Amino acid sequence: MTPPQNEHRFDELFKLVKNRKREEFQAEFRQLHEKDQSEFFSLLYPDNKAKIADLLDPSEFADLFQFMDDEAKWAAFETMPESYLTEASSLIADDVLVAFIAQLEDEDAESVLAMMEPEIREHIERQLARPQDTAGSIMTNQFIQIDWQSTADEVINHMRSIGQQAGMTYYIYCVNEKNHLVGVVSLHDLILSPGDSIVKDIMNTNPRMVSEHTDQEKVARLIQDYDLLALPVVDKKNTLIGIVTIDDVVDIIHEEMTEDFHKFSGIVTEDDPKEGGSVLNMTKQRMPWIIILLFLGLISANLIGRFEDTLSAVVALAVFMPIILDSAGNVGTQSLAISVRSLTFGEKRDKKEFWKVFLQEFATGLLLGIAAGTVIGIISYIMYGNVYLGLVVGLSLFLTLSVASVIGYLVPNIFAKIGIDPAIASGPFITTLCDTSALVLYFSLATKFIHLLT
């Protein structure tokens, strides 16, 4: 959706593109944020997209390209002149190109690669050949590498000479004569050091690094844990081959959260409905969950059958069943979300920390139970005028919410302990477990005090 403040500016830009007014277009276009620039490009008709090649330098388009969505990127390769794209692709960050090409069909990917210079194409193909979801597959080669024997002034002059070719300038990576990574120096430390300082004397000699085969989720955790802007990637010889930047980590976290949300919801599928995933495959992926939950549901139904006499004797008990079951599922799912999040993002927990959080969740469940149980107990007394019914309903909800908070927290931790993805302990699964425990508690109490309720 176009921000209101950009609507008039976009209208003016449309006219400038149509009439190929290069200088006027550049002056107006450069006042937009990169995200707004990419939105403007996506709104252009195909013939006007082609005209952008006459209005922006390839370097400017390369900067714009990384902010486009995949649809706009593909539209650019479909509509713009090949020679222009060849030059622009040599300036686009390699990790951006790899991520874009990786999601294309083989035929489309080949057509994009065919537009690149041989050296660039060879590098991108090597990146694409690396195992997916690893540091090697998401790294970029746009970084500054210097000899550790260089002086501070020499490094700064080198940075000036390469200009915009280096995407990450906050960290400068130091290598020895064998091209092995031996340290890293920040731009801040470099600027504040005397010009004749030797880099090896001011660099951090123990930089965090990962191998090219490290899982991308672990890379994201390291950058998050150590509050880094980038993380160097080395091969088995400790040769620096790339870096993973913070913007890549944001994308990874988004992907992992989306994946875990699907698992959390019981939708364990690799097919994205928005991308035209196979209905049959999606059904096959979800079917096991439906069957498992069906059998768990039968347990709940059987429990109700076992307490049929109690339910028949006090029909009012049925009125509060949905409230107790829904409340149990809600609290269990909330505890589950907290537990899965901490496990997903690798929050380090020793035994002491585990029990600390466990007690916090249990205490939260107790307080929620006291508050909700008191309210529902008073309401049931007002509705039916039976103080004992109010006590049974209120006490049941109190116990149910306390137990549900424990179930929601413990189950994913148990799954993780035995090597199962904790996100598989999905909402529907936890809800069913909480429902079963709620029914047992509710009807057990009601049966115990049936003589007072009738």
Protein backbone atom coordinates (compact mmCIF):
# COMPACT_ATOMS: atom_id res chain seq x y z
CA MET A 1 0.00 0.00 0.00
CA THR A 2 1.45 3.36 -1.06
CA PRO A 3 1.92 5.80 1.87
CA PRO A 4 -0.30 8.89 1.40
CA GLN A 5 2.72 11.20 1.38
CA ASN A 6 4.15 9.31 -1.62
CA GLU A 7 1.05 9.25 -3.82
CA HIS A 8 1.64 12.71 -5.31
CA ARG A 9 5.37 12.07 -5.68
CA PHE A 10 4.69 8.76 -7.44
CA ASP A 11 2.35 10.51 -9.88
CA GLU A 12 5.09 12.98 -10.74
CA LEU A 13 7.62 10.17 -11.15
CA PHE A 14 5.28 8.23 -13.45
CA LYS A 15 5.19 11.23 -15.77
CA LEU A 16 8.97 11.64 -15.68
CA VAL A 17 9.50 7.97 -16.52
CA LYS A 18 7.01 8.11 -19.38
CA ASN A 19 8.79 11.13 -20.88
CA ARG A 20 12.30 9.83 -20.03
CA LYS A 21 13.24 12.99 -18.09
CA ARG A 22 16.47 11.58 -16.64
CA GLU A 23 17.80 14.47 -14.53
CA GLU A 24 14.39 15.45 -13.15
CA PHE A 25 13.60 11.81 -12.41
CA GLN A 26 16.87 11.19 -10.55
CA ALA A 27 16.47 14.31 -8.44
CA GLU A 28 12.94 13.29 -7.39
CA PHE A 29 13.61 9.56 -7.12
CA ARG A 30 16.63 9.95 -4.84
CA GLN A 31 14.49 11.68 -2.24
CA LEU A 32 12.59 8.44 -1.67
CA HIS A 33 13.64 5.77 0.78
CA GLU A 34 14.93 2.59 -0.88
CA LYS A 35 11.81 0.69 0.17
CA ASP A 36 9.58 3.34 -1.43
CA GLN A 37 11.79 3.27 -4.53
CA SER A 38 11.28 -0.49 -4.85
CA GLU A 39 7.52 -0.07 -4.43
CA PHE A 40 7.48 2.56 -7.16
CA PHE A 41 9.34 0.23 -9.51
CA SER A 42 6.88 -2.61 -8.83
CA LEU A 43 3.97 -0.31 -9.74
CA LEU A 44 5.36 0.53 -13.19
CA TYR A 45 3.93 -1.08 -16.31
CA PRO A 46 6.36 -3.42 -18.13
CA ASP A 47 7.22 -0.91 -20.86
CA ASN A 48 7.95 1.74 -18.22
CA LYS A 49 10.07 -0.70 -16.21
CA ALA A 50 12.28 -1.04 -19.29
CA LYS A 51 12.71 2.75 -19.37
CA ILE A 52 14.36 2.69 -15.94
CA ALA A 53 17.52 1.53 -17.71
CA ASP A 54 17.70 4.98 -19.31
CA LEU A 55 17.05 6.80 -16.05
CA LEU A 56 19.22 5.04 -13.44
CA ASP A 57 22.85 3.97 -13.57
CA PRO A 58 23.39 0.19 -13.16
CA SER A 59 24.95 0.86 -9.74
CA GLU A 60 21.83 2.72 -8.61
CA PHE A 61 19.61 -0.09 -9.84
CA ALA A 62 21.81 -2.63 -8.04
CA ASP A 63 21.17 -0.80 -4.75
CA LEU A 64 17.46 -0.74 -5.52
CA PHE A 65 17.31 -4.42 -6.45
CA GLN A 66 17.94 -5.75 -2.95
CA PHE A 67 14.83 -3.99 -1.61
CA MET A 68 12.49 -5.47 -4.26
CA ASP A 69 10.28 -8.45 -3.60
CA ASP A 70 10.83 -11.57 -5.73
CA GLU A 71 8.01 -10.68 -8.10
CA ALA A 72 9.51 -7.26 -8.89
CA LYS A 73 12.99 -8.78 -9.28
CA TRP A 74 11.70 -11.28 -11.81
CA ALA A 75 9.80 -8.53 -13.63
CA ALA A 76 13.08 -6.60 -13.94
CA PHE A 77 14.81 -9.55 -15.61
CA GLU A 78 11.84 -10.04 -17.92
CA THR A 79 11.51 -6.44 -19.09
CA MET A 80 14.83 -4.60 -18.83
CA PRO A 81 17.65 -4.67 -21.44
CA GLU A 82 20.02 -7.62 -21.08
CA SER A 83 23.19 -5.56 -21.36
CA TYR A 84 21.98 -3.28 -18.56
CA LEU A 85 21.15 -6.27 -16.32
CA THR A 86 24.52 -7.85 -17.04
CA GLU A 87 26.30 -4.77 -15.71
CA ALA A 88 23.89 -4.34 -12.78
CA SER A 89 24.16 -8.00 -11.70
CA SER A 90 27.92 -7.60 -11.24
CA LEU A 91 27.16 -4.92 -8.64
CA ILE A 92 24.30 -6.66 -6.79
CA ALA A 93 25.26 -8.40 -3.54
CA ASP A 94 25.85 -12.06 -4.29
CA ASP A 95 23.73 -13.30 -1.39
CA VAL A 96 20.79 -11.28 -2.75
CA LEU A 97 21.19 -12.87 -6.18
CA VAL A 98 21.57 -16.36 -4.72
CA ALA A 99 18.43 -16.03 -2.59
CA PHE A 100 16.47 -14.76 -5.60
CA ILE A 101 17.68 -17.39 -8.09
CA ALA A 102 17.30 -20.26 -5.61
CA GLN A 103 13.52 -19.87 -5.52
CA LEU A 104 13.09 -19.77 -9.32
CA GLU A 105 12.17 -22.67 -11.56
CA ASP A 106 15.19 -24.24 -13.29
CA GLU A 107 14.37 -22.71 -16.66
CA ASP A 108 13.90 -19.23 -15.22
CA ALA A 109 17.03 -19.53 -13.09
CA GLU A 110 19.03 -20.47 -16.19
CA SER A 111 17.74 -17.44 -18.09
CA VAL A 112 18.80 -15.13 -15.24
CA LEU A 113 22.24 -16.73 -14.98
CA ALA A 114 22.69 -16.42 -18.74
CA MET A 115 22.55 -12.63 -18.43
CA MET A 116 25.52 -12.51 -16.06
CA GLU A 117 29.20 -12.12 -16.82
CA PRO A 118 30.99 -15.51 -16.81
CA GLU A 119 32.96 -14.79 -13.63
CA ILE A 120 29.85 -13.64 -11.75
CA ARG A 121 27.80 -16.57 -13.03
CA GLU A 122 30.49 -19.05 -11.95
CA HIS A 123 30.55 -17.58 -8.45
CA ILE A 124 26.74 -17.58 -8.13
CA GLU A 125 26.53 -21.19 -9.36
CA ARG A 126 29.08 -22.23 -6.73
CA GLN A 127 26.95 -20.56 -4.10
CA LEU A 128 23.79 -22.24 -5.37
CA ALA A 129 25.55 -25.62 -5.26
CA ARG A 130 26.25 -25.30 -1.54
CA PRO A 131 23.91 -27.13 0.85
CA GLN A 132 20.78 -25.09 1.47
CA ASP A 133 20.22 -23.45 4.87
CA THR A 134 23.93 -23.36 5.69
CA ALA A 135 26.29 -20.44 6.26
CA GLY A 136 27.86 -21.10 2.86
CA SER A 137 24.55 -20.73 1.06
CA ILE A 138 23.65 -17.34 2.59
CA MET A 139 27.05 -15.67 2.88
CA THR A 140 28.23 -12.75 0.76
CA ASN A 141 31.70 -11.95 -0.58
CA GLN A 142 31.18 -8.21 -0.19
CA PHE A 143 33.50 -7.57 2.74
CA ILE A 144 36.85 -5.91 3.40
CA GLN A 145 39.85 -8.19 3.82
CA ILE A 146 43.28 -6.79 4.64
CA ASP A 147 46.77 -8.03 5.48
CA TRP A 148 47.28 -8.06 9.24
CA GLN A 149 50.66 -6.32 8.77
CA SER A 150 48.97 -3.24 7.23
CA THR A 151 48.86 0.10 9.00
CA ALA A 152 45.65 1.89 9.95
CA ASP A 153 46.23 4.55 7.27
CA GLU A 154 46.81 1.92 4.59
CA VAL A 155 43.54 0.18 5.46
CA ILE A 156 41.55 3.43 5.40
CA ASN A 157 43.04 4.36 2.02
CA HIS A 158 42.18 0.87 0.74
CA MET A 159 38.61 1.32 1.90
CA ARG A 160 38.38 4.63 0.05
CA SER A 161 39.69 3.02 -3.13
CA ILE A 162 37.17 0.18 -3.25
CA GLY A 163 34.26 2.49 -2.42
CA GLN A 164 30.82 0.89 -2.64
CA GLN A 165 32.15 -2.54 -3.60
CA ALA A 166 32.22 -3.58 0.04
CA GLY A 167 28.76 -4.01 1.49
CA MET A 168 29.95 -4.39 5.09
CA THR A 169 32.39 -1.70 6.26
CA TYR A 170 31.90 -1.87 10.04
CA TYR A 171 34.21 -4.86 10.38
CA ILE A 172 37.55 -5.30 8.60
CA TYR A 173 38.77 -8.90 8.45
CA CYS A 174 42.48 -9.52 8.92
CA VAL A 175 44.30 -12.41 7.24
CA ASN A 176 47.89 -13.64 7.28
CA GLU A 177 50.12 -14.54 4.36
CA LYS A 178 48.25 -17.87 3.94
CA ASN A 179 44.92 -16.03 3.72
CA HIS A 180 43.85 -17.53 7.05
CA LEU A 181 41.51 -15.44 9.19
CA VAL A 182 43.53 -14.28 12.20
CA GLY A 183 41.50 -11.37 13.51
CA VAL A 184 38.94 -8.64 12.99
CA VAL A 185 39.10 -4.91 13.64
CA SER A 186 36.13 -2.58 13.84
CA LEU A 187 35.97 0.61 11.82
CA HIS A 188 35.56 2.46 15.11
CA ASP A 189 38.85 1.14 16.52
CA LEU A 190 40.61 1.68 13.22
CA ILE A 191 39.66 5.35 12.97
CA LEU A 192 40.59 6.08 16.60
CA SER A 193 44.02 4.46 16.26
CA PRO A 194 47.15 6.37 15.16
CA GLY A 195 47.72 6.17 11.42
CA ASP A 196 50.97 4.21 11.77
CA SER A 197 49.41 1.56 14.05
CA ILE A 198 49.83 -2.01 12.79
CA VAL A 199 46.49 -3.76 12.42
CA LYS A 200 47.64 -6.92 14.20
CA ASP A 201 48.25 -4.83 17.33
CA ILE A 202 44.71 -3.43 17.49
CA MET A 203 42.63 -6.28 16.05
CA ASN A 204 40.56 -8.77 18.01
CA THR A 205 42.58 -11.97 17.76
CA ASN A 206 39.70 -14.24 18.80
CA PRO A 207 36.90 -13.46 16.33
CA ARG A 208 33.70 -15.48 16.27
CA MET A 209 33.52 -17.47 13.04
CA VAL A 210 31.61 -20.38 11.52
CA SER A 211 32.35 -22.99 8.87
CA GLU A 212 30.61 -22.93 5.53
CA HIS A 213 28.59 -26.01 6.58
CA THR A 214 27.19 -24.50 9.80
CA ASP A 215 23.40 -24.51 9.92
CA GLN A 216 21.93 -21.07 9.24
CA GLU A 217 19.87 -21.18 12.43
CA LYS A 218 23.03 -21.61 14.50
CA VAL A 219 24.60 -18.70 12.61
CA ALA A 220 21.59 -16.55 13.48
CA ARG A 221 21.88 -17.51 17.14
CA LEU A 222 25.57 -16.61 17.27
CA ILE A 223 24.97 -13.19 15.72
CA GLN A 224 22.08 -12.66 18.11
CA ASP A 225 23.94 -13.89 21.21
CA TYR A 226 27.11 -11.85 20.55
CA ASP A 227 25.28 -8.79 19.19
CA LEU A 228 27.25 -8.82 15.93
CA LEU A 229 26.62 -7.07 12.63
CA ALA A 230 28.31 -9.84 10.65
CA LEU A 231 29.94 -13.22 11.14
CA PRO A 232 32.89 -14.49 9.05
CA VAL A 233 32.64 -17.83 7.24
CA VAL A 234 35.73 -20.00 6.75
CA ASP A 235 36.47 -23.25 4.96
CA LYS A 236 38.15 -26.30 6.49
CA LYS A 237 41.57 -24.64 6.02
CA ASN A 238 40.41 -21.58 7.99
CA THR A 239 40.48 -19.50 4.80
CA LEU A 240 38.04 -16.59 4.84
CA ILE A 241 35.46 -17.17 2.09
CA GLY A 242 32.56 -14.88 3.06
CA ILE A 243 30.47 -13.26 5.76
CA VAL A 244 26.87 -13.53 6.93
CA THR A 245 25.36 -10.13 7.72
CA ILE A 246 22.68 -9.06 10.15
CA ASP A 247 20.12 -8.47 7.39
CA ASP A 248 20.48 -12.13 6.39
CA VAL A 249 19.84 -13.11 10.01
CA VAL A 250 16.61 -11.10 10.10
CA ASP A 251 15.41 -13.07 7.07
CA ILE A 252 16.46 -16.36 8.70
CA ILE A 253 14.61 -15.56 11.92
CA HIS A 254 11.53 -14.67 9.89
CA GLU A 255 11.75 -17.99 8.03
CA GLU A 256 12.28 -19.99 11.21
CA MET A 257 9.37 -18.25 12.95
CA THR A 258 7.12 -18.95 9.96
CA GLU A 259 8.21 -22.58 9.88
CA ASP A 260 7.67 -23.02 13.61
CA PHE A 261 4.32 -21.25 13.42
CA HIS A 262 3.19 -23.84 10.86
CA LYS A 263 4.41 -26.65 13.11
CA PHE A 264 2.93 -24.90 16.13
CA SER A 265 -0.43 -24.88 14.35
CA GLY A 266 -0.15 -28.52 13.33
CA ILE A 267 0.57 -27.60 9.69
CA VAL A 268 3.79 -29.50 9.06
CA THR A 269 4.19 -28.94 5.34
CA GLU A 270 6.88 -27.86 2.93
CA ASP A 271 4.32 -26.55 0.46
CA ASP A 272 3.24 -22.94 0.70
CA PRO A 273 -0.38 -22.48 -0.41
CA LYS A 274 0.50 -19.00 -1.71
CA GLU A 275 3.00 -20.59 -4.07
CA GLY A 276 0.55 -23.09 -5.49
CA GLY A 277 1.65 -26.05 -3.34
CA SER A 278 0.17 -29.42 -4.18
CA VAL A 279 -3.16 -29.96 -2.41
CA LEU A 280 -2.45 -33.70 -2.24
CA ASN A 281 0.99 -33.18 -0.66
CA MET A 282 -0.39 -30.67 1.83
CA THR A 283 -3.13 -33.13 2.76
CA LYS A 284 -0.60 -35.95 3.24
CA GLN A 285 1.52 -33.73 5.47
CA ARG A 286 -1.39 -32.69 7.69
CA MET A 287 -3.21 -36.02 7.82
CA PRO A 288 -1.05 -37.61 10.56
CA TRP A 289 -1.87 -34.73 12.90
CA ILE A 290 -5.57 -35.07 12.25
CA ILE A 291 -5.46 -38.82 12.97
CA ILE A 292 -3.39 -38.36 16.15
CA LEU A 293 -5.71 -35.65 17.43
CA LEU A 294 -8.71 -37.78 16.49
CA PHE A 295 -7.53 -40.59 18.76
CA LEU A 296 -6.69 -38.13 21.54
CA GLY A 297 -10.17 -36.70 21.09
CA LEU A 298 -11.61 -40.20 21.54
CA ILE A 299 -9.89 -40.35 24.93
CA SER A 300 -11.67 -37.18 25.95
CA ALA A 301 -14.98 -38.53 24.65
CA ASN A 302 -14.45 -41.78 26.57
CA LEU A 303 -13.78 -39.81 29.75
CA ILE A 304 -17.08 -37.98 29.39
CA GLY A 305 -18.78 -41.33 28.92
CA ARG A 306 -17.24 -42.68 32.12
CA PHE A 307 -18.67 -39.74 34.07
CA GLU A 308 -22.08 -39.96 32.40
CA ASP A 309 -23.83 -40.67 35.71
CA THR A 310 -22.31 -37.57 37.29
CA LEU A 311 -23.26 -35.44 34.29
CA SER A 312 -26.82 -36.82 34.30
CA ALA A 313 -27.22 -36.13 38.00
CA VAL A 314 -26.01 -32.54 37.74
CA VAL A 315 -26.85 -31.22 34.26
CA ALA A 316 -25.49 -27.79 35.22
CA LEU A 317 -21.99 -29.27 35.01
CA ALA A 318 -22.31 -29.38 31.22
CA VAL A 319 -22.80 -25.61 31.09
CA PHE A 320 -19.31 -24.92 32.38
CA MET A 321 -17.47 -27.59 30.40
CA PRO A 322 -16.69 -25.37 27.37
CA ILE A 323 -15.37 -22.59 29.64
CA ILE A 324 -13.04 -24.91 31.52
CA LEU A 325 -11.80 -26.64 28.35
CA ASP A 326 -11.22 -23.39 26.45
CA SER A 327 -9.40 -21.80 29.39
CA ALA A 328 -7.15 -24.85 29.77
CA GLY A 329 -6.26 -24.80 26.06
CA ASN A 330 -5.51 -21.07 26.10
CA VAL A 331 -3.18 -21.21 29.10
CA GLY A 332 -1.46 -24.34 27.81
CA THR A 333 -0.85 -22.74 24.42
CA GLN A 334 0.55 -19.57 26.04
CA SER A 335 3.06 -21.60 28.07
CA LEU A 336 3.87 -23.62 24.97
CA ALA A 337 4.66 -20.43 23.02
CA ILE A 338 7.10 -19.27 25.70
CA SER A 339 8.81 -22.66 25.85
CA VAL A 340 9.06 -23.15 22.08
CA ARG A 341 10.38 -19.63 21.54
CA SER A 342 13.20 -20.10 24.01
CA LEU A 343 14.12 -23.48 22.50
CA THR A 344 13.86 -22.23 18.92
CA PHE A 345 16.16 -19.26 19.48
CA GLY A 346 18.60 -21.25 21.53
CA GLU A 347 18.33 -19.49 24.86
CA LYS A 348 20.89 -21.22 27.04
CA ARG A 349 19.37 -22.87 30.08
CA ASP A 350 21.17 -24.87 32.72
CA LYS A 351 19.25 -27.03 35.16
CA LYS A 352 18.83 -24.16 37.60
CA GLU A 353 17.48 -21.82 34.91
CA PHE A 354 15.09 -24.51 33.65
CA TRP A 355 13.48 -24.97 37.06
CA LYS A 356 13.41 -21.22 37.63
CA VAL A 357 11.33 -20.69 34.48
CA PHE A 358 9.25 -23.77 35.29
CA LEU A 359 8.33 -22.35 38.70
CA GLN A 360 7.54 -18.98 37.11
CA GLU A 361 5.13 -20.61 34.67
CA PHE A 362 3.57 -22.72 37.41
CA ALA A 363 3.17 -19.67 39.66
CA THR A 364 1.58 -17.79 36.76
CA GLY A 365 -0.84 -20.68 36.26
CA LEU A 366 -1.71 -20.66 39.96
CA LEU A 367 -2.45 -16.93 39.97
CA LEU A 368 -4.49 -17.18 36.77
CA GLY A 369 -6.35 -20.12 38.29
CA ILE A 370 -7.14 -18.25 41.48
CA ALA A 371 -8.46 -15.23 39.59
CA ALA A 372 -10.43 -17.15 36.95
CA GLY A 373 -11.63 -19.80 39.41
CA THR A 374 -12.99 -17.16 41.80
CA VAL A 375 -14.85 -15.35 39.02
CA ILE A 376 -16.42 -18.48 37.50
CA GLY A 377 -17.27 -19.84 40.96
CA ILE A 378 -19.20 -16.67 41.83
CA ILE A 379 -20.95 -16.69 38.44
CA SER A 380 -22.03 -20.34 38.82
CA TYR A 381 -23.37 -19.63 42.32
CA ILE A 382 -25.37 -16.65 41.03
CA MET A 383 -26.76 -18.72 38.14
CA TYR A 384 -27.77 -21.83 40.12
CA GLY A 385 -27.79 -20.75 43.75
CA ASN A 386 -25.65 -23.74 44.78
CA VAL A 387 -22.53 -22.76 46.71
CA TYR A 388 -21.07 -26.26 46.33
CA LEU A 389 -21.44 -26.12 42.54
CA GLY A 390 -19.61 -22.79 42.61
CA LEU A 391 -16.82 -24.33 44.68
CA VAL A 392 -16.47 -27.37 42.37
CA VAL A 393 -16.43 -25.27 39.20
CA GLY A 394 -14.07 -22.66 40.65
CA LEU A 395 -11.69 -25.22 42.16
CA SER A 396 -11.70 -27.23 38.90
CA LEU A 397 -10.72 -24.18 36.87
CA PHE A 398 -8.03 -23.28 39.39
CA LEU A 399 -6.46 -26.76 39.19
CA THR A 400 -6.94 -26.96 35.42
CA LEU A 401 -5.08 -23.74 34.67
CA SER A 402 -2.27 -24.67 37.04
CA VAL A 403 -1.81 -28.05 35.34
CA ALA A 404 -2.19 -26.58 31.82
CA SER A 405 0.66 -24.14 32.38
CA VAL A 406 2.89 -27.04 33.41
CA ILE A 407 1.89 -29.16 30.41
CA GLY A 408 2.46 -26.32 27.98
CA TYR A 409 5.93 -25.69 29.36
CA LEU A 410 7.15 -29.25 29.92
CA VAL A 411 6.00 -31.01 26.73
CA PRO A 412 8.21 -29.12 24.23
CA ASN A 413 11.19 -29.42 26.61
CA ILE A 414 10.64 -33.18 26.79
CA PHE A 415 10.39 -33.34 23.00
CA ALA A 416 13.67 -31.42 22.65
CA LYS A 417 15.35 -33.70 25.19
CA ILE A 418 14.52 -36.84 23.20
CA GLY A 419 15.55 -35.28 19.89
CA ILE A 420 12.16 -34.27 18.47
CA ASP A 421 11.58 -30.76 17.10
CA PRO A 422 9.85 -28.95 20.01
CA ALA A 423 7.67 -26.97 17.59
CA ILE A 424 5.92 -30.27 16.75
CA ALA A 425 4.35 -29.98 20.21
CA SER A 426 1.79 -27.89 18.39
CA GLY A 427 -1.17 -25.90 19.64
CA PRO A 428 -3.76 -28.58 18.80
CA PHE A 429 -1.65 -31.27 20.51
CA ILE A 430 -1.21 -29.29 23.71
CA THR A 431 -4.85 -28.20 23.66
CA THR A 432 -5.99 -31.83 23.50
CA LEU A 433 -3.74 -32.82 26.41
CA CYS A 434 -5.01 -29.89 28.45
CA ASP A 435 -8.62 -30.78 27.60
CA THR A 436 -8.10 -34.35 28.80
CA SER A 437 -6.56 -33.27 32.09
CA ALA A 438 -9.30 -30.65 32.55
CA LEU A 439 -12.05 -33.26 32.10
CA VAL A 440 -10.41 -35.63 34.57
CA LEU A 441 -10.07 -32.91 37.21
CA TYR A 442 -13.53 -31.44 36.64
CA PHE A 443 -15.51 -34.66 36.75
CA SER A 444 -13.39 -36.23 39.48
CA LEU A 445 -14.18 -33.31 41.77
CA ALA A 446 -17.84 -33.33 40.74
CA THR A 447 -18.11 -37.07 41.43
CA LYS A 448 -16.37 -36.67 44.78
CA PHE A 449 -18.90 -34.05 45.90
CA ILE A 450 -21.93 -35.35 43.98
CA HIS A 451 -23.87 -35.72 47.23
CA LEU A 452 -23.56 -31.99 47.83
CA LEU A 453 -24.49 -30.97 44.30
CA THR A 454 -27.79 -32.84 43.97
